[in-house]
Every structure is written in C-alpha cells, then in structure tokens.
Amino acid sequence: TSPPKDYIFFLHNRFLEENDPEAKHPEYGRAEYKEIIAE
C-alpha cells in the first residue's frame, strides 16, 4: 500500500488557539480553518 504522495502539515494562527472555530475576530472575521484545509 503506497502512502499518498504529497503531505502538508498545516499550523494555524494564534486566534484559533484562543477561540472557537466559528468565532469572529473583531477586525478580520472568522478564521476559515476548515475551508483552508479543504482547499
């Protein structure tokens, strides 16, 4: 079984550490973590 070819380790920003994924930053809006992964 050959492992998939290309791997990405994605490390998000500080805002997501301190907040729920659906929370909105007062200036920048929601950190679209799931959408970035999906892309």
ModelCIF file with pLDDT and N, C-alpha, C, O atoms, coordinates in Angstrom:
data_MODEL
#
_entry.id   MODEL 
#
_entity.id                         1 
_entity.type                       polymer 
_entity.pdbx_number_of_molecules   1 
#
_entity_poly.entity_id                      1 
_entity_poly.type                           'polypeptide(L)' 
_entity_poly.nstd_linkage                   no 
_entity_poly.nstd_monomer                   no 
_entity_poly.pdbx_seq_one_letter_code       TSPPKDYIFFLHNRFLEENDPEAKHPEYGRAEYKEIIAE 
_entity_poly.pdbx_seq_one_letter_code_can   TSPPKDYIFFLHNRFLEENDPEAKHPEYGRAEYKEIIAE 
_entity_poly.pdbx_strand_id                 A 
#
loop_
_entity_poly_seq.entity_id 
_entity_poly_seq.num 
_entity_poly_seq.mon_id 
_entity_poly_seq.hetero 
1 1  THR n 
1 2  SER n 
1 3  PRO n 
1 4  PRO n 
1 5  LYS n 
1 6  ASP n 
1 7  TYR n 
1 8  ILE n 
1 9  PHE n 
1 10 PHE n 
1 11 LEU n 
1 12 HIS n 
1 13 ASN n 
1 14 ARG n 
1 15 PHE n 
1 16 LEU n 
1 17 GLU n 
1 18 GLU n 
1 19 ASN n 
1 20 ASP n 
1 21 PRO n 
1 22 GLU n 
1 23 ALA n 
1 24 LYS n 
1 25 HIS n 
1 26 PRO n 
1 27 GLU n 
1 28 TYR n 
1 29 GLY n 
1 30 ARG n 
1 31 ALA n 
1 32 GLU n 
1 33 TYR n 
1 34 LYS n 
1 35 GLU n 
1 36 ILE n 
1 37 ILE n 
1 38 ALA n 
1 39 GLU n 
#
_struct_asym.id          A 
_struct_asym.entity_id   1 
#
loop_
_ma_qa_metric.id 
_ma_qa_metric.mode 
_ma_qa_metric.name 
_ma_qa_metric.software_group_id 
_ma_qa_metric.type 
1 global pLDDT . pLDDT 
2 local  pLDDT . pLDDT 
#
_ma_qa_metric_global.metric_id      1 
_ma_qa_metric_global.metric_value   91.10 
_ma_qa_metric_global.model_id       1 
_ma_qa_metric_global.ordinal_id     1 
#
loop_
_ma_qa_metric_local.label_asym_id 
_ma_qa_metric_local.label_comp_id 
_ma_qa_metric_local.label_seq_id 
_ma_qa_metric_local.metric_id 
_ma_qa_metric_local.metric_value 
_ma_qa_metric_local.model_id 
_ma_qa_metric_local.ordinal_id 
A THR 1  2 52.00 1 1  
A SER 2  2 55.00 1 2  
A PRO 3  2 48.00 1 3  
A PRO 4  2 54.00 1 4  
A LYS 5  2 87.00 1 5  
A ASP 6  2 97.00 1 6  
A TYR 7  2 97.00 1 7  
A ILE 8  2 98.00 1 8  
A PHE 9  2 98.00 1 9  
A PHE 10 2 98.00 1 10 
A LEU 11 2 98.00 1 11 
A HIS 12 2 98.00 1 12 
A ASN 13 2 97.00 1 13 
A ARG 14 2 96.00 1 14 
A PHE 15 2 96.00 1 15 
A LEU 16 2 96.00 1 16 
A GLU 17 2 95.00 1 17 
A GLU 18 2 94.00 1 18 
A ASN 19 2 95.00 1 19 
A ASP 20 2 91.00 1 20 
A PRO 21 2 89.00 1 21 
A GLU 22 2 92.00 1 22 
A ALA 23 2 93.00 1 23 
A LYS 24 2 95.00 1 24 
A HIS 25 2 96.00 1 25 
A PRO 26 2 94.00 1 26 
A GLU 27 2 95.00 1 27 
A TYR 28 2 95.00 1 28 
A GLY 29 2 95.00 1 29 
A ARG 30 2 96.00 1 30 
A ALA 31 2 96.00 1 31 
A GLU 32 2 97.00 1 32 
A TYR 33 2 97.00 1 33 
A LYS 34 2 96.00 1 34 
A GLU 35 2 97.00 1 35 
A ILE 36 2 98.00 1 36 
A ILE 37 2 97.00 1 37 
A ALA 38 2 97.00 1 38 
A GLU 39 2 98.00 1 39 
#
loop_
_atom_site.group_PDB 
_atom_site.id 
_atom_site.type_symbol 
_atom_site.label_atom_id 
_atom_site.label_alt_id 
_atom_site.label_comp_id 
_atom_site.label_asym_id 
_atom_site.label_entity_id 
_atom_site.label_seq_id 
_atom_site.pdbx_PDB_ins_code 
_atom_site.Cartn_x 
_atom_site.Cartn_y 
_atom_site.Cartn_z 
_atom_site.occupancy 
_atom_site.B_iso_or_equiv 
_atom_site.pdbx_formal_charge 
_atom_site.auth_seq_id 
_atom_site.auth_comp_id 
_atom_site.auth_asym_id 
_atom_site.auth_atom_id 
_atom_site.pdbx_PDB_model_num 
ATOM 1   N N  . THR A 1 1  ? 0.846   -1.188 0.000  1.00 52.00 ? 1  THR A N  1 
ATOM 2   C CA . THR A 1 1  ? 0.000   0.000  0.000  1.00 52.00 ? 1  THR A CA 1 
ATOM 3   C C  . THR A 1 1  ? 0.883   1.241  0.000  1.00 52.00 ? 1  THR A C  1 
ATOM 4   O O  . THR A 1 1  ? 1.528   1.540  1.005  1.00 52.00 ? 1  THR A O  1 
ATOM 5   N N  . SER A 1 2  ? 0.920   1.954  -1.095 1.00 55.00 ? 2  SER A N  1 
ATOM 6   C CA . SER A 1 2  ? 1.757   3.142  -1.179 1.00 55.00 ? 2  SER A CA 1 
ATOM 7   C C  . SER A 1 2  ? 1.079   4.314  -0.480 1.00 55.00 ? 2  SER A C  1 
ATOM 8   O O  . SER A 1 2  ? -0.097  4.580  -0.727 1.00 55.00 ? 2  SER A O  1 
ATOM 9   N N  . PRO A 1 3  ? 1.797   5.014  0.384  1.00 48.00 ? 3  PRO A N  1 
ATOM 10  C CA . PRO A 1 3  ? 1.202   6.177  1.046  1.00 48.00 ? 3  PRO A CA 1 
ATOM 11  C C  . PRO A 1 3  ? 0.939   7.281  0.033  1.00 48.00 ? 3  PRO A C  1 
ATOM 12  O O  . PRO A 1 3  ? 1.594   7.334  -1.007 1.00 48.00 ? 3  PRO A O  1 
ATOM 13  N N  . PRO A 1 4  ? -0.008  8.157  0.323  1.00 54.00 ? 4  PRO A N  1 
ATOM 14  C CA . PRO A 1 4  ? -0.271  9.270  -0.583 1.00 54.00 ? 4  PRO A CA 1 
ATOM 15  C C  . PRO A 1 4  ? 0.994   10.067 -0.862 1.00 54.00 ? 4  PRO A C  1 
ATOM 16  O O  . PRO A 1 4  ? 1.925   10.070 -0.056 1.00 54.00 ? 4  PRO A O  1 
ATOM 17  N N  . LYS A 1 5  ? 1.023   10.732 -1.989 1.00 87.00 ? 5  LYS A N  1 
ATOM 18  C CA . LYS A 1 5  ? 2.279   11.289 -2.492 1.00 87.00 ? 5  LYS A CA 1 
ATOM 19  C C  . LYS A 1 5  ? 2.755   12.536 -1.768 1.00 87.00 ? 5  LYS A C  1 
ATOM 20  O O  . LYS A 1 5  ? 3.926   12.621 -1.396 1.00 87.00 ? 5  LYS A O  1 
ATOM 21  N N  . ASP A 1 6  ? 1.874   13.504 -1.561 1.00 97.00 ? 6  ASP A N  1 
ATOM 22  C CA . ASP A 1 6  ? 2.305   14.798 -1.025 1.00 97.00 ? 6  ASP A CA 1 
ATOM 23  C C  . ASP A 1 6  ? 1.551   15.145 0.255  1.00 97.00 ? 6  ASP A C  1 
ATOM 24  O O  . ASP A 1 6  ? 0.321   15.103 0.301  1.00 97.00 ? 6  ASP A O  1 
ATOM 25  N N  . TYR A 1 7  ? 2.308   15.485 1.284  1.00 97.00 ? 7  TYR A N  1 
ATOM 26  C CA . TYR A 1 7  ? 1.746   15.769 2.605  1.00 97.00 ? 7  TYR A CA 1 
ATOM 27  C C  . TYR A 1 7  ? 1.944   17.232 2.971  1.00 97.00 ? 7  TYR A C  1 
ATOM 28  O O  . TYR A 1 7  ? 2.987   17.823 2.694  1.00 97.00 ? 7  TYR A O  1 
ATOM 29  N N  . ILE A 1 8  ? 0.920   17.804 3.599  1.00 98.00 ? 8  ILE A N  1 
ATOM 30  C CA . ILE A 1 8  ? 1.022   19.156 4.136  1.00 98.00 ? 8  ILE A CA 1 
ATOM 31  C C  . ILE A 1 8  ? 0.711   19.111 5.630  1.00 98.00 ? 8  ILE A C  1 
ATOM 32  O O  . ILE A 1 8  ? -0.340  18.623 6.043  1.00 98.00 ? 8  ILE A O  1 
ATOM 33  N N  . PHE A 1 9  ? 1.629   19.621 6.421  1.00 98.00 ? 9  PHE A N  1 
ATOM 34  C CA . PHE A 1 9  ? 1.372   19.882 7.831  1.00 98.00 ? 9  PHE A CA 1 
ATOM 35  C C  . PHE A 1 9  ? 0.959   21.345 7.930  1.00 98.00 ? 9  PHE A C  1 
ATOM 36  O O  . PHE A 1 9  ? 1.763   22.239 7.667  1.00 98.00 ? 9  PHE A O  1 
ATOM 37  N N  . PHE A 1 10 ? -0.287  21.588 8.307  1.00 98.00 ? 10 PHE A N  1 
ATOM 38  C CA . PHE A 1 10 ? -0.776  22.973 8.367  1.00 98.00 ? 10 PHE A CA 1 
ATOM 39  C C  . PHE A 1 10 ? -0.897  23.411 9.826  1.00 98.00 ? 10 PHE A C  1 
ATOM 40  O O  . PHE A 1 10 ? -1.598  22.782 10.619 1.00 98.00 ? 10 PHE A O  1 
ATOM 41  N N  . LEU A 1 11 ? -0.208  24.491 10.164 1.00 98.00 ? 11 LEU A N  1 
ATOM 42  C CA . LEU A 1 11 ? -0.177  25.032 11.524 1.00 98.00 ? 11 LEU A CA 1 
ATOM 43  C C  . LEU A 1 11 ? -0.858  26.396 11.523 1.00 98.00 ? 11 LEU A C  1 
ATOM 44  O O  . LEU A 1 11 ? -0.356  27.342 10.918 1.00 98.00 ? 11 LEU A O  1 
ATOM 45  N N  . HIS A 1 12 ? -1.996  26.497 12.197 1.00 98.00 ? 12 HIS A N  1 
ATOM 46  C CA . HIS A 1 12 ? -2.826  27.705 12.125 1.00 98.00 ? 12 HIS A CA 1 
ATOM 47  C C  . HIS A 1 12 ? -2.310  28.831 13.030 1.00 98.00 ? 12 HIS A C  1 
ATOM 48  O O  . HIS A 1 12 ? -1.309  28.678 13.730 1.00 98.00 ? 12 HIS A O  1 
ATOM 49  N N  . ASN A 1 13 ? -3.013  29.947 12.997 1.00 97.00 ? 13 ASN A N  1 
ATOM 50  C CA . ASN A 1 13 ? -2.610  31.145 13.744 1.00 97.00 ? 13 ASN A CA 1 
ATOM 51  C C  . ASN A 1 13 ? -3.065  31.094 15.203 1.00 97.00 ? 13 ASN A C  1 
ATOM 52  O O  . ASN A 1 13 ? -3.758  30.167 15.622 1.00 97.00 ? 13 ASN A O  1 
ATOM 53  N N  . ARG A 1 14 ? -2.657  32.118 15.968 1.00 96.00 ? 14 ARG A N  1 
ATOM 54  C CA . ARG A 1 14 ? -2.948  32.159 17.408 1.00 96.00 ? 14 ARG A CA 1 
ATOM 55  C C  . ARG A 1 14 ? -4.447  32.301 17.695 1.00 96.00 ? 14 ARG A C  1 
ATOM 56  O O  . ARG A 1 14 ? -4.942  31.721 18.662 1.00 96.00 ? 14 ARG A O  1 
ATOM 57  N N  . PHE A 1 15 ? -5.172  33.056 16.876 1.00 96.00 ? 15 PHE A N  1 
ATOM 58  C CA . PHE A 1 15 ? -6.582  33.330 17.147 1.00 96.00 ? 15 PHE A CA 1 
ATOM 59  C C  . PHE A 1 15 ? -7.378  32.046 17.338 1.00 96.00 ? 15 PHE A C  1 
ATOM 60  O O  . PHE A 1 15 ? -8.262  31.981 18.193 1.00 96.00 ? 15 PHE A O  1 
ATOM 61  N N  . LEU A 1 16 ? -7.068  31.028 16.545 1.00 96.00 ? 16 LEU A N  1 
ATOM 62  C CA . LEU A 1 16 ? -7.798  29.761 16.651 1.00 96.00 ? 16 LEU A CA 1 
ATOM 63  C C  . LEU A 1 16 ? -7.449  28.986 17.919 1.00 96.00 ? 16 LEU A C  1 
ATOM 64  O O  . LEU A 1 16 ? -8.226  28.142 18.366 1.00 96.00 ? 16 LEU A O  1 
ATOM 65  N N  . GLU A 1 17 ? -6.287  29.270 18.498 1.00 95.00 ? 17 GLU A N  1 
ATOM 66  C CA . GLU A 1 17 ? -5.957  28.638 19.778 1.00 95.00 ? 17 GLU A CA 1 
ATOM 67  C C  . GLU A 1 17 ? -6.900  29.125 20.874 1.00 95.00 ? 17 GLU A C  1 
ATOM 68  O O  . GLU A 1 17 ? -7.332  28.360 21.735 1.00 95.00 ? 17 GLU A O  1 
ATOM 69  N N  . GLU A 1 18 ? -7.203  30.411 20.817 1.00 94.00 ? 18 GLU A N  1 
ATOM 70  C CA . GLU A 1 18 ? -7.928  31.050 21.922 1.00 94.00 ? 18 GLU A CA 1 
ATOM 71  C C  . GLU A 1 18 ? -9.439  31.097 21.709 1.00 94.00 ? 18 GLU A C  1 
ATOM 72  O O  . GLU A 1 18 ? -10.177 31.488 22.613 1.00 94.00 ? 18 GLU A O  1 
ATOM 73  N N  . ASN A 1 19 ? -9.904  30.703 20.526 1.00 95.00 ? 19 ASN A N  1 
ATOM 74  C CA . ASN A 1 19 ? -11.317 30.869 20.208 1.00 95.00 ? 19 ASN A CA 1 
ATOM 75  C C  . ASN A 1 19 ? -11.896 29.650 19.511 1.00 95.00 ? 19 ASN A C  1 
ATOM 76  O O  . ASN A 1 19 ? -11.175 28.834 18.937 1.00 95.00 ? 19 ASN A O  1 
ATOM 77  N N  . ASP A 1 20 ? -13.211 29.548 19.575 1.00 91.00 ? 20 ASP A N  1 
ATOM 78  C CA . ASP A 1 20 ? -13.944 28.527 18.844 1.00 91.00 ? 20 ASP A CA 1 
ATOM 79  C C  . ASP A 1 20 ? -13.769 28.764 17.340 1.00 91.00 ? 20 ASP A C  1 
ATOM 80  O O  . ASP A 1 20 ? -13.660 29.913 16.911 1.00 91.00 ? 20 ASP A O  1 
ATOM 81  N N  . PRO A 1 21 ? -13.740 27.700 16.535 1.00 89.00 ? 21 PRO A N  1 
ATOM 82  C CA . PRO A 1 21 ? -13.565 27.869 15.087 1.00 89.00 ? 21 PRO A CA 1 
ATOM 83  C C  . PRO A 1 21 ? -14.608 28.766 14.425 1.00 89.00 ? 21 PRO A C  1 
ATOM 84  O O  . PRO A 1 21 ? -14.342 29.334 13.365 1.00 89.00 ? 21 PRO A O  1 
ATOM 85  N N  . GLU A 1 22 ? -15.782 28.901 15.026 1.00 92.00 ? 22 GLU A N  1 
ATOM 86  C CA . GLU A 1 22 ? -16.821 29.741 14.438 1.00 92.00 ? 22 GLU A CA 1 
ATOM 87  C C  . GLU A 1 22 ? -16.780 31.180 14.947 1.00 92.00 ? 22 GLU A C  1 
ATOM 88  O O  . GLU A 1 22 ? -17.560 32.020 14.498 1.00 92.00 ? 22 GLU A O  1 
ATOM 89  N N  . ALA A 1 23 ? -15.873 31.467 15.885 1.00 93.00 ? 23 ALA A N  1 
ATOM 90  C CA . ALA A 1 23 ? -15.775 32.822 16.439 1.00 93.00 ? 23 ALA A CA 1 
ATOM 91  C C  . ALA A 1 23 ? -15.242 33.795 15.389 1.00 93.00 ? 23 ALA A C  1 
ATOM 92  O O  . ALA A 1 23 ? -14.481 33.407 14.502 1.00 93.00 ? 23 ALA A O  1 
ATOM 93  N N  . LYS A 1 24 ? -15.642 35.053 15.496 1.00 95.00 ? 24 LYS A N  1 
ATOM 94  C CA . LYS A 1 24 ? -15.219 36.080 14.547 1.00 95.00 ? 24 LYS A CA 1 
ATOM 95  C C  . LYS A 1 24 ? -14.273 37.067 15.209 1.00 95.00 ? 24 LYS A C  1 
ATOM 96  O O  . LYS A 1 24 ? -14.570 37.620 16.268 1.00 95.00 ? 24 LYS A O  1 
ATOM 97  N N  . HIS A 1 25 ? -13.145 37.275 14.577 1.00 96.00 ? 25 HIS A N  1 
ATOM 98  C CA . HIS A 1 25 ? -12.219 38.312 15.017 1.00 96.00 ? 25 HIS A CA 1 
ATOM 99  C C  . HIS A 1 25 ? -12.886 39.663 14.785 1.00 96.00 ? 25 HIS A C  1 
ATOM 100 O O  . HIS A 1 25 ? -13.540 39.840 13.757 1.00 96.00 ? 25 HIS A O  1 
ATOM 101 N N  . PRO A 1 26 ? -12.747 40.620 15.694 1.00 94.00 ? 26 PRO A N  1 
ATOM 102 C CA . PRO A 1 26 ? -13.446 41.907 15.538 1.00 94.00 ? 26 PRO A CA 1 
ATOM 103 C C  . PRO A 1 26 ? -13.077 42.670 14.278 1.00 94.00 ? 26 PRO A C  1 
ATOM 104 O O  . PRO A 1 26 ? -13.876 43.467 13.788 1.00 94.00 ? 26 PRO A O  1 
ATOM 105 N N  . GLU A 1 27 ? -11.888 42.443 13.745 1.00 95.00 ? 27 GLU A N  1 
ATOM 106 C CA . GLU A 1 27 ? -11.471 43.154 12.537 1.00 95.00 ? 27 GLU A CA 1 
ATOM 107 C C  . GLU A 1 27 ? -11.407 42.252 11.312 1.00 95.00 ? 27 GLU A C  1 
ATOM 108 O O  . GLU A 1 27 ? -11.745 42.683 10.209 1.00 95.00 ? 27 GLU A O  1 
ATOM 109 N N  . TYR A 1 28 ? -10.978 41.011 11.492 1.00 95.00 ? 28 TYR A N  1 
ATOM 110 C CA . TYR A 1 28 ? -10.689 40.147 10.345 1.00 95.00 ? 28 TYR A CA 1 
ATOM 111 C C  . TYR A 1 28 ? -11.768 39.104 10.057 1.00 95.00 ? 28 TYR A C  1 
ATOM 112 O O  . TYR A 1 28 ? -11.709 38.421 9.035  1.00 95.00 ? 28 TYR A O  1 
ATOM 113 N N  . GLY A 1 29 ? -12.734 38.978 10.930 1.00 95.00 ? 29 GLY A N  1 
ATOM 114 C CA . GLY A 1 29 ? -13.780 37.979 10.725 1.00 95.00 ? 29 GLY A CA 1 
ATOM 115 C C  . GLY A 1 29 ? -13.350 36.594 11.170 1.00 95.00 ? 29 GLY A C  1 
ATOM 116 O O  . GLY A 1 29 ? -12.376 36.441 11.907 1.00 95.00 ? 29 GLY A O  1 
ATOM 117 N N  . ARG A 1 30 ? -14.081 35.589 10.720 1.00 96.00 ? 30 ARG A N  1 
ATOM 118 C CA . ARG A 1 30 ? -13.809 34.204 11.134 1.00 96.00 ? 30 ARG A CA 1 
ATOM 119 C C  . ARG A 1 30 ? -12.541 33.673 10.486 1.00 96.00 ? 30 ARG A C  1 
ATOM 120 O O  . ARG A 1 30 ? -12.295 33.907 9.302  1.00 96.00 ? 30 ARG A O  1 
ATOM 121 N N  . ALA A 1 31 ? -11.745 32.966 11.255 1.00 96.00 ? 31 ALA A N  1 
ATOM 122 C CA . ALA A 1 31 ? -10.578 32.284 10.694 1.00 96.00 ? 31 ALA A CA 1 
ATOM 123 C C  . ALA A 1 31 ? -11.070 31.021 10.003 1.00 96.00 ? 31 ALA A C  1 
ATOM 124 O O  . ALA A 1 31 ? -11.500 30.081 10.670 1.00 96.00 ? 31 ALA A O  1 
ATOM 125 N N  . GLU A 1 32 ? -11.014 30.987 8.682  1.00 97.00 ? 32 GLU A N  1 
ATOM 126 C CA . GLU A 1 32 ? -11.637 29.931 7.897  1.00 97.00 ? 32 GLU A CA 1 
ATOM 127 C C  . GLU A 1 32 ? -10.734 28.694 7.805  1.00 97.00 ? 32 GLU A C  1 
ATOM 128 O O  . GLU A 1 32 ? -10.294 28.294 6.727  1.00 97.00 ? 32 GLU A O  1 
ATOM 129 N N  . TYR A 1 33 ? -10.481 28.114 8.966  1.00 97.00 ? 33 TYR A N  1 
ATOM 130 C CA . TYR A 1 33 ? -9.570  26.973 9.096  1.00 97.00 ? 33 TYR A CA 1 
ATOM 131 C C  . TYR A 1 33 ? -10.021 25.766 8.268  1.00 97.00 ? 33 TYR A C  1 
ATOM 132 O O  . TYR A 1 33 ? -9.234  25.199 7.509  1.00 97.00 ? 33 TYR A O  1 
ATOM 133 N N  . LYS A 1 34 ? -11.283 25.380 8.418  1.00 96.00 ? 34 LYS A N  1 
ATOM 134 C CA . LYS A 1 34 ? -11.783 24.206 7.698  1.00 96.00 ? 34 LYS A CA 1 
ATOM 135 C C  . LYS A 1 34 ? -11.751 24.423 6.190  1.00 96.00 ? 34 LYS A C  1 
ATOM 136 O O  . LYS A 1 34 ? -11.458 23.502 5.427  1.00 96.00 ? 34 LYS A O  1 
ATOM 137 N N  . GLU A 1 35 ? -12.052 25.637 5.771  1.00 97.00 ? 35 GLU A N  1 
ATOM 138 C CA . GLU A 1 35 ? -12.053 25.948 4.339  1.00 97.00 ? 35 GLU A CA 1 
ATOM 139 C C  . GLU A 1 35 ? -10.628 25.896 3.759  1.00 97.00 ? 35 GLU A C  1 
ATOM 140 O O  . GLU A 1 35 ? -10.427 25.472 2.621  1.00 97.00 ? 35 GLU A O  1 
ATOM 141 N N  . ILE A 1 36 ? -9.661  26.328 4.550  1.00 98.00 ? 36 ILE A N  1 
ATOM 142 C CA . ILE A 1 36 ? -8.266  26.275 4.106  1.00 98.00 ? 36 ILE A CA 1 
ATOM 143 C C  . ILE A 1 36 ? -7.823  24.824 3.937  1.00 98.00 ? 36 ILE A C  1 
ATOM 144 O O  . ILE A 1 36 ? -7.203  24.467 2.935  1.00 98.00 ? 36 ILE A O  1 
ATOM 145 N N  . ILE A 1 37 ? -8.147  23.993 4.926  1.00 97.00 ? 37 ILE A N  1 
ATOM 146 C CA . ILE A 1 37 ? -7.806  22.569 4.832  1.00 97.00 ? 37 ILE A CA 1 
ATOM 147 C C  . ILE A 1 37 ? -8.465  21.936 3.605  1.00 97.00 ? 37 ILE A C  1 
ATOM 148 O O  . ILE A 1 37 ? -7.833  21.184 2.864  1.00 97.00 ? 37 ILE A O  1 
ATOM 149 N N  . ALA A 1 38 ? -9.747  22.256 3.405  1.00 97.00 ? 38 ALA A N  1 
ATOM 150 C CA . ALA A 1 38 ? -10.488 21.680 2.272  1.00 97.00 ? 38 ALA A CA 1 
ATOM 151 C C  . ALA A 1 38 ? -9.885  22.098 0.944  1.00 97.00 ? 38 ALA A C  1 
ATOM 152 O O  . ALA A 1 38 ? -9.873  21.316 -0.007 1.00 97.00 ? 38 ALA A O  1 
ATOM 153 N N  . GLU A 1 39 ? -9.387  23.318 0.871  1.00 98.00 ? 39 GLU A N  1 
ATOM 154 C CA . GLU A 1 39 ? -8.786  23.811 -0.376 1.00 98.00 ? 39 GLU A CA 1 
ATOM 155 C C  . GLU A 1 39 ? -7.522  23.028 -0.715 1.00 98.00 ? 39 GLU A C  1 
ATOM 156 O O  . GLU A 1 39 ? -6.880  23.300 -1.729 1.00 98.00 ? 39 GLU A O  1 
#
